[in-house]
């Protein structure tokens, strides 16, 4: 006599509802992950704080970063103060009326920041913004 260990044999099924739920959760995870990443074009520096600091818009802009060691970067590309105006003019040809954002470390001397601002003026760029961090209470 043969005993059947599985008297109610059912065929295997793939449930679609949990599968669809998992794909939607993955999609939402990646969407929020992409939106939470800000367009950080400058390098990470210790920004000074300001009580009136506001978030910048998502328009095309050029980021100039001055590190604590007084090295100058234009959109993550190292430049010197002498070649900054020329590099800005070259980038200005690609972007009409660009917004230049200056990210200067709080330890950078004022004269270096003014030299960067002077290079921006030499490139005939009118829209300049200084990046600051919001002041912590």
N, C-alpha and C. Protein backbone atom coordinates (compact mmCIF):
# COMPACT_ATOMS: atom_id res chain seq x y z
N UNK A 1 0.83 -1.15 0.00
CA UNK A 1 0.00 0.00 0.00
C UNK A 1 0.90 1.24 0.00
N UNK A 2 0.53 2.13 -0.88
CA UNK A 2 1.32 3.35 -1.02
C UNK A 2 0.57 4.49 -0.35
N UNK A 3 1.29 5.20 0.55
CA UNK A 3 0.69 6.34 1.25
C UNK A 3 1.19 7.61 0.59
N UNK A 4 0.26 8.45 0.22
CA UNK A 4 0.59 9.72 -0.43
C UNK A 4 0.86 10.78 0.65
N UNK A 5 2.11 11.27 0.77
CA UNK A 5 2.40 12.25 1.83
C UNK A 5 1.76 13.61 1.57
N UNK A 6 1.43 13.92 0.31
CA UNK A 6 0.81 15.20 -0.04
C UNK A 6 -0.51 14.93 -0.74
N UNK A 7 -1.56 14.70 0.02
CA UNK A 7 -2.83 14.33 -0.63
C UNK A 7 -3.45 15.47 -1.45
N UNK A 8 -3.22 16.68 -1.05
CA UNK A 8 -3.79 17.81 -1.78
C UNK A 8 -2.67 18.52 -2.52
N UNK A 9 -2.39 18.07 -3.68
CA UNK A 9 -1.29 18.62 -4.46
C UNK A 9 -1.77 19.87 -5.19
N UNK A 10 -1.12 21.00 -4.90
CA UNK A 10 -1.46 22.25 -5.57
C UNK A 10 -0.26 22.66 -6.41
N UNK A 11 -0.54 23.26 -7.52
CA UNK A 11 0.57 23.73 -8.35
C UNK A 11 1.12 25.02 -7.74
N UNK A 12 2.41 25.24 -7.95
CA UNK A 12 3.07 26.44 -7.42
C UNK A 12 2.57 27.67 -8.16
N UNK A 13 2.34 28.75 -7.41
CA UNK A 13 1.86 29.99 -8.02
C UNK A 13 2.75 31.14 -7.59
N UNK A 14 2.91 32.06 -8.47
CA UNK A 14 3.63 33.28 -8.13
C UNK A 14 2.58 34.36 -7.90
N UNK A 15 2.55 34.84 -6.68
CA UNK A 15 1.58 35.88 -6.34
C UNK A 15 2.06 37.20 -6.90
N UNK A 16 1.25 37.85 -7.68
CA UNK A 16 1.65 39.09 -8.35
C UNK A 16 1.50 40.33 -7.45
N UNK A 17 0.54 40.34 -6.57
CA UNK A 17 0.30 41.53 -5.75
C UNK A 17 1.50 41.85 -4.85
N UNK A 18 2.07 40.89 -4.11
CA UNK A 18 3.27 41.23 -3.33
C UNK A 18 4.45 41.62 -4.20
N UNK A 19 4.55 41.02 -5.39
CA UNK A 19 5.64 41.36 -6.29
C UNK A 19 5.51 42.80 -6.78
N UNK A 20 4.30 43.19 -7.14
CA UNK A 20 4.05 44.57 -7.57
C UNK A 20 4.31 45.54 -6.43
N UNK A 21 3.90 45.18 -5.22
CA UNK A 21 4.15 46.03 -4.05
C UNK A 21 5.64 46.25 -3.84
N UNK A 22 6.43 45.20 -3.99
CA UNK A 22 7.87 45.34 -3.80
C UNK A 22 8.49 46.23 -4.88
N UNK A 23 8.02 46.11 -6.12
CA UNK A 23 8.55 46.97 -7.18
C UNK A 23 8.19 48.43 -6.94
N UNK A 24 6.97 48.68 -6.46
CA UNK A 24 6.59 50.07 -6.14
C UNK A 24 7.42 50.62 -4.98
N UNK A 25 7.67 49.80 -3.98
CA UNK A 25 8.50 50.25 -2.86
C UNK A 25 9.92 50.56 -3.32
N UNK A 26 10.48 49.72 -4.18
CA UNK A 26 11.81 50.00 -4.71
C UNK A 26 11.81 51.27 -5.55
N UNK A 27 10.78 51.45 -6.34
CA UNK A 27 10.68 52.65 -7.16
C UNK A 27 10.61 53.90 -6.28
N UNK A 28 9.79 53.87 -5.25
CA UNK A 28 9.67 55.01 -4.34
C UNK A 28 10.99 55.26 -3.62
N UNK A 29 11.66 54.20 -3.21
CA UNK A 29 12.95 54.33 -2.54
C UNK A 29 13.95 55.05 -3.44
N UNK A 30 14.04 54.65 -4.69
CA UNK A 30 15.00 55.28 -5.60
C UNK A 30 14.59 56.70 -5.96
N UNK A 31 13.31 56.96 -6.08
CA UNK A 31 12.87 58.33 -6.38
C UNK A 31 13.23 59.26 -5.23
N UNK A 32 12.93 58.86 -4.00
CA UNK A 32 13.27 59.71 -2.86
C UNK A 32 14.79 59.81 -2.70
N UNK A 33 15.49 58.75 -3.01
CA UNK A 33 16.95 58.81 -2.94
C UNK A 33 17.53 59.82 -3.90
N UNK A 34 16.99 59.86 -5.11
CA UNK A 34 17.49 60.82 -6.10
C UNK A 34 17.11 62.24 -5.71
N UNK A 35 15.89 62.44 -5.23
CA UNK A 35 15.46 63.79 -4.87
C UNK A 35 16.15 64.30 -3.61
N UNK A 36 16.57 63.41 -2.74
CA UNK A 36 17.24 63.87 -1.52
C UNK A 36 18.68 64.28 -1.79
N UNK A 37 19.23 63.84 -2.91
CA UNK A 37 20.59 64.25 -3.27
C UNK A 37 20.52 65.63 -3.90
N UNK A 38 21.15 66.57 -3.26
CA UNK A 38 21.15 67.91 -3.84
C UNK A 38 22.24 68.00 -4.88
N UNK A 39 22.07 68.94 -5.78
CA UNK A 39 23.08 69.15 -6.81
C UNK A 39 24.26 69.88 -6.19
N UNK A 40 25.13 69.14 -5.58
CA UNK A 40 26.30 69.70 -4.94
C UNK A 40 27.39 69.83 -5.98
N UNK A 41 27.60 71.02 -6.50
CA UNK A 41 28.62 71.21 -7.52
C UNK A 41 29.94 71.65 -6.92
N UNK A 42 29.91 72.26 -5.76
CA UNK A 42 31.14 72.68 -5.12
C UNK A 42 31.70 71.56 -4.26
N UNK A 43 32.84 71.81 -3.68
CA UNK A 43 33.45 70.86 -2.76
C UNK A 43 32.93 71.10 -1.36
N UNK A 44 33.12 70.15 -0.48
CA UNK A 44 32.66 70.27 0.89
C UNK A 44 33.64 71.15 1.66
N UNK A 45 33.17 72.30 2.13
CA UNK A 45 33.97 73.19 2.95
C UNK A 45 33.15 73.61 4.15
N UNK A 46 33.80 74.17 5.14
CA UNK A 46 33.12 74.65 6.34
C UNK A 46 32.56 76.04 6.04
N UNK A 47 31.28 76.10 5.67
CA UNK A 47 30.67 77.36 5.26
C UNK A 47 30.35 78.21 6.48
N UNK A 48 30.43 79.53 6.33
CA UNK A 48 30.00 80.40 7.42
C UNK A 48 28.48 80.36 7.54
N UNK A 49 27.98 80.67 8.71
CA UNK A 49 26.54 80.63 8.95
C UNK A 49 25.93 82.01 8.79
N UNK A 50 24.67 82.05 8.38
CA UNK A 50 23.94 83.31 8.25
C UNK A 50 22.49 83.07 8.64
N UNK A 51 21.91 84.02 9.34
CA UNK A 51 20.51 83.86 9.76
C UNK A 51 19.55 84.02 8.60
N UNK A 52 19.96 84.69 7.53
CA UNK A 52 19.07 84.90 6.39
C UNK A 52 19.36 83.94 5.24
N UNK A 53 20.05 82.84 5.49
CA UNK A 53 20.41 81.90 4.43
C UNK A 53 19.17 81.21 3.89
N UNK A 54 19.08 81.10 2.56
CA UNK A 54 17.98 80.41 1.91
C UNK A 54 18.55 79.41 0.92
N UNK A 55 17.76 78.41 0.58
CA UNK A 55 18.20 77.39 -0.37
C UNK A 55 18.20 77.97 -1.77
N UNK A 56 19.19 77.56 -2.56
CA UNK A 56 19.28 78.05 -3.93
C UNK A 56 18.35 77.25 -4.83
N UNK A 57 18.02 77.83 -5.98
CA UNK A 57 17.15 77.15 -6.94
C UNK A 57 17.94 76.15 -7.75
N UNK A 58 17.27 75.38 -8.57
CA UNK A 58 17.92 74.33 -9.35
C UNK A 58 18.35 74.80 -10.73
N UNK A 59 18.56 76.08 -10.93
CA UNK A 59 18.98 76.55 -12.23
C UNK A 59 20.45 76.27 -12.47
N UNK A 60 20.85 76.39 -13.72
CA UNK A 60 22.25 76.15 -14.08
C UNK A 60 23.13 77.24 -13.45
N UNK A 61 24.16 76.83 -12.79
CA UNK A 61 25.07 77.80 -12.21
C UNK A 61 26.48 77.24 -12.14
N UNK A 62 27.41 78.14 -11.97
CA UNK A 62 28.82 77.78 -11.83
C UNK A 62 29.19 77.89 -10.35
N UNK A 63 29.89 76.89 -9.85
CA UNK A 63 30.28 76.89 -8.44
C UNK A 63 31.78 77.10 -8.33
N UNK A 64 32.15 78.13 -7.59
CA UNK A 64 33.57 78.39 -7.31
C UNK A 64 33.77 78.06 -5.84
N UNK A 65 34.71 77.16 -5.56
CA UNK A 65 34.98 76.75 -4.19
C UNK A 65 36.39 77.18 -3.82
N UNK A 66 36.51 77.82 -2.65
CA UNK A 66 37.81 78.20 -2.11
C UNK A 66 37.98 77.43 -0.81
N UNK A 67 38.97 76.54 -0.78
CA UNK A 67 39.17 75.70 0.40
C UNK A 67 39.98 76.46 1.45
N UNK A 68 40.12 75.85 2.62
CA UNK A 68 40.86 76.47 3.71
C UNK A 68 42.34 76.65 3.34
N UNK A 69 42.83 75.83 2.42
CA UNK A 69 44.23 75.95 1.97
C UNK A 69 44.37 76.98 0.86
N UNK A 70 43.29 77.70 0.56
CA UNK A 70 43.21 78.75 -0.46
C UNK A 70 43.39 78.21 -1.88
N UNK A 71 43.02 76.97 -2.11
CA UNK A 71 42.98 76.45 -3.48
C UNK A 71 41.61 76.76 -4.06
N UNK A 72 41.58 77.07 -5.35
CA UNK A 72 40.34 77.50 -6.01
C UNK A 72 39.90 76.41 -6.97
N UNK A 73 38.62 76.08 -6.92
CA UNK A 73 38.03 75.06 -7.77
C UNK A 73 36.84 75.66 -8.51
N UNK A 74 36.70 75.34 -9.78
CA UNK A 74 35.54 75.75 -10.57
C UNK A 74 34.80 74.49 -10.99
N UNK A 75 33.64 74.25 -10.38
CA UNK A 75 32.85 73.04 -10.64
C UNK A 75 33.72 71.78 -10.54
N UNK A 76 34.41 71.63 -9.43
CA UNK A 76 35.25 70.47 -9.12
C UNK A 76 36.47 70.34 -10.04
N UNK A 77 36.85 71.41 -10.67
CA UNK A 77 38.04 71.43 -11.52
C UNK A 77 38.98 72.49 -10.95
N UNK A 78 40.19 72.09 -10.61
CA UNK A 78 41.11 73.01 -9.96
C UNK A 78 41.62 74.07 -10.94
N UNK A 79 41.55 75.32 -10.52
CA UNK A 79 42.06 76.44 -11.32
C UNK A 79 42.87 77.34 -10.40
N UNK A 80 43.63 78.26 -11.00
CA UNK A 80 44.34 79.25 -10.21
C UNK A 80 43.57 80.56 -10.28
N UNK A 81 43.94 81.49 -9.42
CA UNK A 81 43.27 82.79 -9.45
C UNK A 81 43.54 83.51 -10.77
N UNK A 82 44.73 83.27 -11.36
CA UNK A 82 45.07 83.91 -12.62
C UNK A 82 44.24 83.39 -13.79
N UNK A 83 43.91 82.10 -13.78
CA UNK A 83 43.16 81.50 -14.89
C UNK A 83 41.66 81.41 -14.64
N UNK A 84 41.21 81.87 -13.47
CA UNK A 84 39.79 81.77 -13.13
C UNK A 84 38.92 82.58 -14.07
N UNK A 85 39.30 83.81 -14.37
CA UNK A 85 38.49 84.66 -15.25
C UNK A 85 38.38 84.05 -16.65
N UNK A 86 39.47 83.50 -17.15
CA UNK A 86 39.45 82.87 -18.47
C UNK A 86 38.55 81.64 -18.47
N UNK A 87 38.64 80.83 -17.43
CA UNK A 87 37.80 79.64 -17.33
C UNK A 87 36.33 80.01 -17.21
N UNK A 88 36.04 81.10 -16.49
CA UNK A 88 34.65 81.55 -16.36
C UNK A 88 34.11 82.05 -17.70
N UNK A 89 34.94 82.75 -18.47
CA UNK A 89 34.49 83.22 -19.79
C UNK A 89 34.19 82.03 -20.71
N UNK A 90 35.01 80.99 -20.63
CA UNK A 90 34.77 79.80 -21.46
C UNK A 90 33.47 79.10 -21.07
N UNK A 91 33.19 79.03 -19.78
CA UNK A 91 31.95 78.40 -19.33
C UNK A 91 30.74 79.29 -19.61
N UNK A 92 30.95 80.60 -19.59
CA UNK A 92 29.86 81.52 -19.84
C UNK A 92 29.35 81.40 -21.27
N UNK A 93 30.23 80.98 -22.18
CA UNK A 93 29.81 80.80 -23.57
C UNK A 93 28.78 79.67 -23.69
N UNK A 94 28.85 78.69 -22.80
CA UNK A 94 27.92 77.55 -22.84
C UNK A 94 26.60 77.84 -22.12
N UNK A 95 26.65 78.66 -21.07
CA UNK A 95 25.46 78.96 -20.27
C UNK A 95 25.22 80.45 -20.36
N UNK A 96 24.07 80.84 -20.89
CA UNK A 96 23.75 82.26 -20.99
C UNK A 96 23.36 82.81 -19.62
N UNK A 97 23.96 83.90 -19.23
CA UNK A 97 23.69 84.58 -17.96
C UNK A 97 23.76 83.61 -16.76
N UNK A 98 24.93 83.02 -16.51
CA UNK A 98 25.03 82.03 -15.43
C UNK A 98 25.00 82.67 -14.05
N UNK A 99 24.60 81.89 -13.09
CA UNK A 99 24.67 82.28 -11.69
C UNK A 99 25.94 81.68 -11.11
N UNK A 100 26.81 82.50 -10.57
CA UNK A 100 28.05 82.02 -9.96
C UNK A 100 27.84 81.96 -8.45
N UNK A 101 28.07 80.79 -7.88
CA UNK A 101 27.96 80.61 -6.44
C UNK A 101 29.35 80.41 -5.87
N UNK A 102 29.72 81.25 -4.92
CA UNK A 102 31.04 81.18 -4.31
C UNK A 102 30.91 80.44 -2.98
N UNK A 103 31.61 79.30 -2.87
CA UNK A 103 31.65 78.50 -1.64
C UNK A 103 33.02 78.73 -1.02
N UNK A 104 33.12 79.58 -0.05
CA UNK A 104 34.42 79.87 0.58
C UNK A 104 34.41 79.35 2.01
N UNK A 105 35.46 78.65 2.36
CA UNK A 105 35.60 78.15 3.72
C UNK A 105 35.69 79.34 4.67
N UNK A 106 35.19 79.17 5.88
CA UNK A 106 35.17 80.28 6.84
C UNK A 106 36.57 80.72 7.25
N UNK A 107 37.59 79.88 7.03
CA UNK A 107 38.95 80.23 7.39
C UNK A 107 39.74 80.92 6.28
N UNK A 108 39.11 81.13 5.13
CA UNK A 108 39.80 81.76 4.01
C UNK A 108 39.92 83.26 4.27
N UNK A 109 41.09 83.86 4.03
CA UNK A 109 41.22 85.30 4.21
C UNK A 109 40.30 86.09 3.27
N UNK A 110 39.86 87.23 3.75
CA UNK A 110 38.94 88.08 3.00
C UNK A 110 39.53 88.49 1.65
N UNK A 111 40.82 88.72 1.61
CA UNK A 111 41.47 89.15 0.38
C UNK A 111 41.39 88.09 -0.72
N UNK A 112 41.44 86.82 -0.37
CA UNK A 112 41.34 85.75 -1.35
C UNK A 112 39.93 85.70 -1.94
N UNK A 113 38.93 85.87 -1.09
CA UNK A 113 37.54 85.88 -1.57
C UNK A 113 37.32 87.08 -2.48
N UNK A 114 37.91 88.23 -2.15
CA UNK A 114 37.77 89.41 -3.00
C UNK A 114 38.49 89.22 -4.34
N UNK A 115 39.60 88.48 -4.34
CA UNK A 115 40.29 88.18 -5.60
C UNK A 115 39.43 87.28 -6.48
N UNK A 116 38.73 86.34 -5.88
CA UNK A 116 37.80 85.49 -6.63
C UNK A 116 36.66 86.32 -7.18
N UNK A 117 36.11 87.20 -6.37
CA UNK A 117 35.02 88.07 -6.82
C UNK A 117 35.49 88.99 -7.94
N UNK A 118 36.72 89.45 -7.86
CA UNK A 118 37.27 90.29 -8.91
C UNK A 118 37.41 89.51 -10.22
N UNK A 119 37.81 88.23 -10.14
CA UNK A 119 37.91 87.39 -11.34
C UNK A 119 36.53 87.18 -11.96
N UNK A 120 35.51 87.06 -11.13
CA UNK A 120 34.14 86.92 -11.64
C UNK A 120 33.72 88.20 -12.36
N UNK A 121 34.07 89.34 -11.81
CA UNK A 121 33.76 90.62 -12.46
C UNK A 121 34.52 90.77 -13.76
N UNK A 122 35.77 90.31 -13.81
CA UNK A 122 36.56 90.38 -15.04
C UNK A 122 35.94 89.53 -16.15
N UNK A 123 35.26 88.46 -15.76
CA UNK A 123 34.57 87.61 -16.74
C UNK A 123 33.24 88.21 -17.16
N UNK A 124 32.91 89.39 -16.60
CA UNK A 124 31.67 90.11 -16.92
C UNK A 124 30.42 89.30 -16.56
N UNK A 125 30.47 88.65 -15.40
CA UNK A 125 29.31 87.91 -14.88
C UNK A 125 28.68 88.76 -13.80
N UNK A 126 27.38 88.98 -13.92
CA UNK A 126 26.68 89.89 -13.02
C UNK A 126 26.01 89.18 -11.85
N UNK A 127 25.59 87.95 -12.05
CA UNK A 127 24.83 87.24 -11.01
C UNK A 127 25.78 86.43 -10.14
N UNK A 128 26.01 86.89 -8.90
CA UNK A 128 26.94 86.25 -7.96
C UNK A 128 26.21 86.00 -6.65
N UNK A 129 26.45 84.84 -6.08
CA UNK A 129 25.84 84.49 -4.80
C UNK A 129 26.91 83.86 -3.92
N UNK A 130 26.85 84.12 -2.62
CA UNK A 130 27.76 83.51 -1.67
C UNK A 130 27.00 82.40 -0.94
N UNK A 131 27.57 81.22 -0.91
CA UNK A 131 26.95 80.07 -0.25
C UNK A 131 27.24 80.14 1.25
N UNK A 132 26.21 80.03 2.04
CA UNK A 132 26.35 79.99 3.49
C UNK A 132 25.53 78.83 4.04
N UNK A 133 25.83 78.44 5.24
CA UNK A 133 25.05 77.42 5.92
C UNK A 133 24.08 78.12 6.85
N UNK A 134 22.92 77.52 7.06
CA UNK A 134 21.95 78.11 7.98
C UNK A 134 22.50 78.05 9.40
N UNK A 135 22.30 79.12 10.14
CA UNK A 135 22.82 79.20 11.50
C UNK A 135 22.05 78.24 12.40
N UNK A 136 22.78 77.47 13.19
CA UNK A 136 22.15 76.51 14.08
C UNK A 136 21.77 77.18 15.39
N UNK A 137 20.56 76.94 15.85
CA UNK A 137 20.13 77.59 17.10
C UNK A 137 20.82 77.04 18.32
